C-alpha cells in the first residue's frame, strides 16, 4: 500500500528552498576540499618572531606596560589557546552534526551528505589543532596547561537540548567568520602559517554556518512553546559553562605567561594581565558571537521578548565586562 503525504502549500516553497541550500553546500564542499599536509602545512613552521593573534582579538594593546617581546609572547600564548578552544568545541560540534544527519537517513539524502561532510570537516579540524598544538608547544616554554578535556565537555554539552546546542554552534561558527575576515586576514604582521590555519578553517566554517541555521530552524519548528522555553534555559547554561572554561583558561594562561617572562610584574600589572586575558577570551568566544547581527536576528526570530530579556539579563555580567 502506498501512502501519499501531502505537504501544506505554505511549507512547500520553504522545503524546496532548504533542499536547494543543502545541495549547494554539498557542491561547495566538494569544490573546496583541502588536506592538512598537501594544502596547508606543506612542511612549514610557525614564525615565532611574529605575533599570532592580532590585537583586535588578543586586546594586548591595552596592556601598555608590556615590552615588544612580552606582547609577542602573550599573543603566541593566546594564539595557542585560541586554537585549543576551537579543537575543544569541535569535538561536540562534530558529534552533534552526526546526530543531526541520522534524522535525514530516510529523508533528504543531500541533507545527509551535507551533514556527514560537515562532521568530516570538524574531525579534520580537530586533527589540525592537535598537530599545531604539538608544533607550538615545541617552541614555547614548558608549563602550558589546558583546563578542559574535550570528551568531558562534549558529553556535558550534548546532554542539553538540541535547540540550545545548535544555537551555540551557530553562534560559534558565525564569529569564526568575523574573526578571520575582519581581524586576522588584514594583518600582515602576523605569522603567515597561523593566518593560513585560520584561513582554511574559515573556508569550511563559512559553509557550516548555513547548515547550522537550517538545522536550528528545523529543530525550532518541532518544539512546543514549553520546550522552547526550557531550551532557552539550556542555552543560558551552556554559555555560562563556556564562560567557566574561559575563566579557568585565562587564569592558567596568565600564570603561565608571568612565569615565562624574566622580569617581575607588580601586583597591579599581574591583575591587569589576568583581567585582560579573561576579557579577551570572553570577547573572542562569547561577546563577538552574541553581538553578531545575524545571530541576533536568528535568536530574536526564535524567542519571545520575555525569553530574549532572560538571555540578556543572564549574560549581562559577561557582555558588560
Protein backbone atom coordinates (compact mmCIF):
# COMPACT_ATOMS: atom_id res chain seq x y z
CA UNK A 1 0.00 0.00 0.00
CA UNK A 2 1.37 3.40 -0.97
CA UNK A 3 0.86 6.32 1.38
CA UNK A 4 0.75 9.80 -0.06
CA UNK A 5 2.00 12.54 2.23
CA UNK A 6 0.62 15.98 1.44
CA UNK A 7 2.86 18.91 2.32
CA UNK A 8 0.92 22.07 3.22
CA UNK A 9 1.19 24.65 0.46
CA UNK A 10 2.61 27.20 2.92
CA UNK A 11 5.61 24.93 3.54
CA UNK A 12 6.31 23.71 0.02
CA UNK A 13 8.32 26.71 -1.08
CA UNK A 14 10.40 26.73 2.09
CA UNK A 15 11.04 22.98 1.93
CA UNK A 16 12.18 23.23 -1.68
CA UNK A 17 14.45 26.15 -0.83
CA UNK A 18 16.02 24.19 2.02
CA UNK A 19 16.68 21.19 -0.24
CA UNK A 20 18.41 23.55 -2.67
CA UNK A 21 20.55 25.04 0.11
CA UNK A 22 21.69 21.59 1.25
CA UNK A 23 22.52 20.77 -2.37
CA UNK A 24 24.54 23.97 -2.70
CA UNK A 25 26.51 23.11 0.44
CA UNK A 26 27.35 19.64 -0.88
CA UNK A 27 28.55 21.13 -4.16
CA UNK A 28 30.59 23.79 -2.38
CA UNK A 29 32.11 21.22 -0.02
CA UNK A 30 33.29 19.04 -2.90
CA UNK A 31 34.78 22.04 -4.69
CA UNK A 32 36.63 23.37 -1.62
CA UNK A 33 38.04 20.13 -0.18
CA UNK A 34 41.54 20.53 1.24
CA UNK A 35 44.09 18.37 3.03
CA UNK A 36 46.18 19.34 6.04
CA UNK A 37 49.62 18.46 4.67
CA UNK A 38 49.09 18.87 0.94
CA UNK A 39 47.37 22.25 1.00
CA UNK A 40 48.10 23.88 4.35
CA UNK A 41 51.12 22.79 6.37
CA UNK A 42 53.40 21.77 3.47
CA UNK A 43 56.31 21.21 5.94
CA UNK A 44 56.10 24.84 7.08
CA UNK A 45 56.74 26.02 10.64
CA UNK A 46 55.35 28.81 12.80
CA UNK A 47 57.33 32.04 12.80
CA UNK A 48 57.92 32.90 16.45
CA UNK A 49 59.41 36.26 15.56
CA UNK A 50 55.83 37.42 14.86
CA UNK A 51 52.56 37.71 16.72
CA UNK A 52 49.94 35.00 16.22
CA UNK A 53 46.69 36.76 17.14
CA UNK A 54 46.00 40.38 16.11
CA UNK A 55 45.50 42.98 18.83
CA UNK A 56 41.84 43.27 17.81
CA UNK A 57 41.28 39.78 19.22
CA UNK A 58 44.02 39.50 21.84
CA UNK A 59 43.46 43.03 23.23
CA UNK A 60 47.14 43.04 24.21
CA UNK A 61 47.47 46.68 23.16
CA UNK A 62 45.54 47.54 26.35
CA UNK A 63 48.48 46.22 28.42
CA UNK A 64 50.69 49.20 27.66
CA UNK A 65 53.34 48.20 30.23
CA UNK A 66 54.39 45.15 28.20
CA UNK A 67 57.54 45.32 26.12
CA UNK A 68 57.56 44.31 22.46
CA UNK A 69 58.91 40.81 23.14
CA UNK A 70 56.49 40.31 26.01
CA UNK A 71 53.50 41.37 23.92
CA UNK A 72 54.57 39.00 21.16
CA UNK A 73 54.88 36.08 23.62
CA UNK A 74 51.46 36.78 25.09
CA UNK A 75 49.99 36.91 21.57
CA UNK A 76 51.51 33.49 20.86
CA UNK A 77 50.12 32.07 24.11
CA UNK A 78 46.70 33.44 23.25
CA UNK A 79 47.02 32.02 19.74
CA UNK A 80 47.77 28.61 21.21
CA UNK A 81 44.69 28.83 23.42
CA UNK A 82 42.59 30.15 20.53
CA UNK A 83 43.41 27.01 18.54
CA UNK A 84 42.96 24.71 21.55
CA UNK A 85 39.50 26.07 22.29
CA UNK A 86 38.38 25.58 18.70
CA UNK A 87 39.55 21.98 18.86
CA UNK A 88 37.63 21.65 22.13
CA UNK A 89 34.28 22.91 20.81
CA UNK A 90 34.61 20.99 17.55
CA UNK A 91 34.50 17.74 19.50
CA UNK A 92 30.86 18.31 20.40
CA UNK A 93 30.01 20.01 17.09
CA UNK A 94 31.14 17.01 15.01
CA UNK A 95 29.21 14.62 17.25
CA UNK A 96 26.09 16.79 17.11
CA UNK A 97 26.13 17.01 13.32
CA UNK A 98 26.41 13.23 13.06
CA UNK A 99 23.28 13.04 15.23
CA UNK A 100 21.53 15.57 13.01
CA UNK A 101 22.47 13.54 9.96
CA UNK A 102 20.69 10.47 11.33
CA UNK A 103 17.39 12.34 11.12
CA UNK A 104 17.87 12.59 7.34
CA UNK A 105 18.84 8.94 6.71
CA UNK A 106 15.43 8.04 5.24
CA UNK A 107 14.64 11.55 4.08
CA UNK A 108 16.72 14.08 2.16
CA UNK A 109 19.94 12.38 1.09
CA UNK A 110 21.56 15.69 0.14
CA UNK A 111 20.98 16.95 3.68
CA UNK A 112 22.51 13.72 5.00
CA UNK A 113 25.56 14.11 2.77
CA UNK A 114 25.95 17.77 3.69
CA UNK A 115 25.94 16.96 7.42
CA UNK A 116 28.29 13.99 7.04
CA UNK A 117 30.70 16.25 5.15
CA UNK A 118 30.29 18.85 7.89
CA UNK A 119 31.22 16.24 10.53
CA UNK A 120 34.22 15.10 8.49
CA UNK A 121 35.45 18.69 8.26
CA UNK A 122 35.21 19.09 12.03
CA UNK A 123 37.14 15.86 12.60
CA UNK A 124 39.82 17.16 10.22
CA UNK A 125 39.94 20.44 12.16
CA UNK A 126 40.43 18.53 15.39
CA UNK A 127 43.40 16.70 13.88
CA UNK A 128 44.79 20.01 12.61
CA UNK A 129 44.54 21.67 16.01
CA UNK A 130 46.13 18.65 17.73
CA UNK A 131 49.05 18.85 15.35
CA UNK A 132 49.60 22.58 15.64
CA UNK A 133 49.42 22.27 19.45
CA UNK A 134 52.43 19.99 19.24
CA UNK A 135 54.22 22.33 16.83
CA UNK A 136 53.62 25.38 19.01
CA UNK A 137 54.38 23.51 22.22
CA UNK A 138 57.81 22.53 20.93
CA UNK A 139 58.79 26.21 20.76
CA UNK A 140 57.05 27.88 23.69
CA UNK A 141 58.23 27.45 27.32
CA UNK A 142 57.14 24.37 29.28
CA UNK A 143 54.24 24.64 31.69
CA UNK A 144 51.28 25.50 29.46
CA UNK A 145 48.06 23.83 30.64
CA UNK A 146 44.73 23.04 29.00
CA UNK A 147 42.00 23.25 31.63
CA UNK A 148 39.21 21.23 29.97
CA UNK A 149 39.13 17.74 28.45
CA UNK A 150 37.31 17.66 25.08
CA UNK A 151 35.31 14.48 25.63
CA UNK A 152 34.07 15.60 29.03
CA UNK A 153 32.98 18.94 27.59
CA UNK A 154 31.29 17.23 24.64
CA UNK A 155 29.33 14.87 26.89
CA UNK A 156 28.14 17.77 29.05
CA UNK A 157 27.13 19.91 26.07
CA UNK A 158 25.35 17.10 24.24
CA UNK A 159 23.22 16.40 27.32
CA UNK A 160 21.47 19.73 26.68
CA UNK A 161 18.54 20.20 24.29
CA UNK A 162 19.25 20.06 20.57
CA UNK A 163 17.87 23.59 20.14
CA UNK A 164 20.41 25.02 22.58
CA UNK A 165 23.36 23.05 21.17
CA UNK A 166 22.51 24.13 17.62
CA UNK A 167 22.15 27.73 18.78
CA UNK A 168 25.56 27.62 20.47
CA UNK A 169 27.10 26.01 17.37
CA UNK A 170 25.64 28.65 15.06
CA UNK A 171 26.92 31.37 17.39
CA UNK A 172 30.45 29.91 17.31
CA UNK A 173 30.61 29.50 13.56
CA UNK A 174 29.31 32.98 12.91
CA UNK A 175 32.04 34.60 14.99
CA UNK A 176 34.63 32.49 13.16
CA UNK A 177 33.68 34.42 10.03
CA UNK A 178 34.05 37.80 11.70
CA UNK A 179 37.33 36.97 13.45
CA UNK A 180 39.06 35.86 10.28
CA UNK A 181 37.71 38.37 7.78
CA UNK A 182 37.86 41.46 9.99
CA UNK A 183 40.78 40.80 12.34
CA UNK A 184 43.14 38.05 11.14
CA UNK A 185 43.16 38.31 7.33
CA UNK A 186 44.03 42.04 7.08
CA UNK A 187 47.02 41.90 9.44
CA UNK A 188 50.27 41.44 7.52
CA UNK A 189 52.43 41.41 10.66
CA UNK A 190 51.08 38.07 11.88
CA UNK A 191 52.76 34.67 11.48
CA UNK A 192 51.86 33.52 7.93
CA UNK A 193 51.21 29.91 8.90
CA UNK A 194 48.98 30.91 11.79
CA UNK A 195 46.97 33.10 9.41
CA UNK A 196 46.68 30.25 6.92
CA UNK A 197 45.45 27.81 9.57
CA UNK A 198 42.50 30.08 10.23
CA UNK A 199 42.03 30.89 6.57
CA UNK A 200 41.45 27.22 5.82
CA UNK A 201 39.33 26.86 8.95
CA UNK A 202 37.24 29.86 7.84
CA UNK A 203 36.69 28.34 4.39
CA UNK A 204 34.92 25.33 5.91
CA UNK A 205 33.04 27.22 8.61
CA UNK A 206 31.55 29.62 6.06
CA UNK A 207 29.62 26.63 4.70
CA UNK A 208 28.91 25.08 8.07
CA UNK A 209 27.09 28.11 9.39
CA UNK A 210 24.47 27.73 6.63
CA UNK A 211 23.80 24.18 7.82
CA UNK A 212 23.72 25.31 11.46
CA UNK A 213 20.97 27.75 10.63
CA UNK A 214 18.92 25.20 8.66
CA UNK A 215 19.15 22.58 11.39
CA UNK A 216 18.44 25.05 14.20
CA UNK A 217 15.34 26.38 12.45
CA UNK A 218 14.11 22.85 11.72
CA UNK A 219 14.56 21.87 15.36
CA UNK A 220 12.76 25.02 16.48
CA UNK A 221 9.75 24.13 14.32
CA UNK A 222 9.39 20.77 16.11
CA UNK A 223 9.18 22.17 19.65
CA UNK A 224 6.22 23.27 21.72
CA UNK A 225 6.32 26.68 23.42
CA UNK A 226 7.15 24.99 26.73
CA UNK A 227 10.01 23.02 25.16
CA UNK A 228 11.38 26.18 23.59
CA UNK A 229 11.32 27.90 26.96
CA UNK A 230 13.35 25.09 28.52
CA UNK A 231 15.76 25.22 25.57
CA UNK A 232 16.40 28.91 26.25
CA UNK A 233 17.42 27.98 29.81
CA UNK A 234 19.76 25.35 28.35
CA UNK A 235 21.38 27.93 26.08
CA UNK A 236 21.97 30.25 29.03
CA UNK A 237 23.53 27.37 30.97
CA UNK A 238 25.76 26.40 28.02
CA UNK A 239 27.10 29.94 27.63
CA UNK A 240 27.75 30.05 31.39
CA UNK A 241 29.66 26.77 31.09
CA UNK A 242 31.76 28.19 28.25
CA UNK A 243 32.49 31.19 30.44
CA UNK A 244 33.62 28.89 33.22
CA UNK A 245 36.16 27.32 30.88
CA UNK A 246 37.33 30.76 29.76
CA UNK A 247 37.78 31.90 33.35
CA UNK A 248 39.88 28.85 34.17
CA UNK A 249 41.96 29.00 30.97
CA UNK A 250 42.62 32.74 31.25
CA UNK A 251 43.84 32.27 34.82
CA UNK A 252 46.09 29.39 33.74
CA UNK A 253 47.45 31.40 30.79
CA UNK A 254 48.10 34.48 32.94
CA UNK A 255 50.11 32.43 35.41
CA UNK A 256 52.00 30.69 32.61
CA UNK A 257 52.88 33.98 30.93
CA UNK A 258 54.02 35.63 34.17
CA UNK A 259 56.24 32.63 34.98
CA UNK A 260 57.68 32.64 31.46
CA UNK A 261 58.82 36.28 31.50
CA UNK A 262 62.22 37.03 33.00
CA UNK A 263 61.22 40.18 34.89
CA UNK A 264 58.79 40.53 37.81
CA UNK A 265 55.43 42.25 37.49
CA UNK A 266 53.78 44.36 40.16
CA UNK A 267 50.55 43.18 41.79
CA UNK A 268 48.61 45.70 39.71
CA UNK A 269 50.27 44.53 36.48
CA UNK A 270 49.54 40.88 37.31
CA UNK A 271 45.90 41.77 37.90
CA UNK A 272 45.76 43.64 34.59
CA UNK A 273 47.22 40.64 32.75
CA UNK A 274 44.71 38.27 34.34
CA UNK A 275 41.74 40.57 33.75
CA UNK A 276 42.94 41.37 30.23
CA UNK A 277 43.13 37.72 29.23
CA UNK A 278 39.67 36.97 30.59
CA UNK A 279 38.25 40.00 28.79
CA UNK A 280 39.91 38.96 25.54
CA UNK A 281 38.72 35.36 25.78
CA UNK A 282 35.18 36.46 26.61
CA UNK A 283 35.26 38.78 23.61
CA UNK A 284 36.56 36.05 21.33
CA UNK A 285 34.28 33.19 22.38
CA UNK A 286 31.10 34.82 23.70
CA UNK A 287 30.63 38.53 23.10
CA UNK A 288 31.65 38.70 19.43
CA UNK A 289 29.16 35.93 18.65
CA UNK A 290 26.32 37.27 20.75
CA UNK A 291 26.74 40.69 19.14
CA UNK A 292 26.88 39.29 15.61
CA UNK A 293 23.96 40.90 13.72
CA UNK A 294 22.86 37.69 12.02
CA UNK A 295 22.95 35.67 15.23
CA UNK A 296 20.90 38.38 16.92
CA UNK A 297 18.38 38.23 14.11
CA UNK A 298 18.11 34.44 14.29
CA UNK A 299 17.86 34.34 18.07
CA UNK A 300 15.22 37.06 18.13
CA UNK A 301 13.17 35.22 15.50
CA UNK A 302 13.17 32.05 17.63
CA UNK A 303 12.49 33.55 21.06
CA UNK A 304 9.77 35.61 22.68
CA UNK A 305 10.54 39.09 24.05
CA UNK A 306 10.44 37.64 27.57
CA UNK A 307 12.92 34.92 26.63
CA UNK A 308 15.25 37.43 24.99
CA UNK A 309 15.10 39.55 28.11
CA UNK A 310 16.01 36.49 30.18
CA UNK A 311 19.01 35.77 27.97
CA UNK A 312 20.19 39.38 28.06
CA UNK A 313 19.86 39.58 31.84
CA UNK A 314 21.77 36.32 32.36
CA UNK A 315 24.59 37.33 30.02
CA UNK A 316 24.83 40.98 31.10
CA UNK A 317 27.78 40.40 33.51
CA UNK A 318 29.78 38.83 30.67
CA UNK A 319 28.76 41.27 27.96
CA UNK A 320 29.38 44.31 30.15
CA UNK A 321 32.79 43.08 31.33
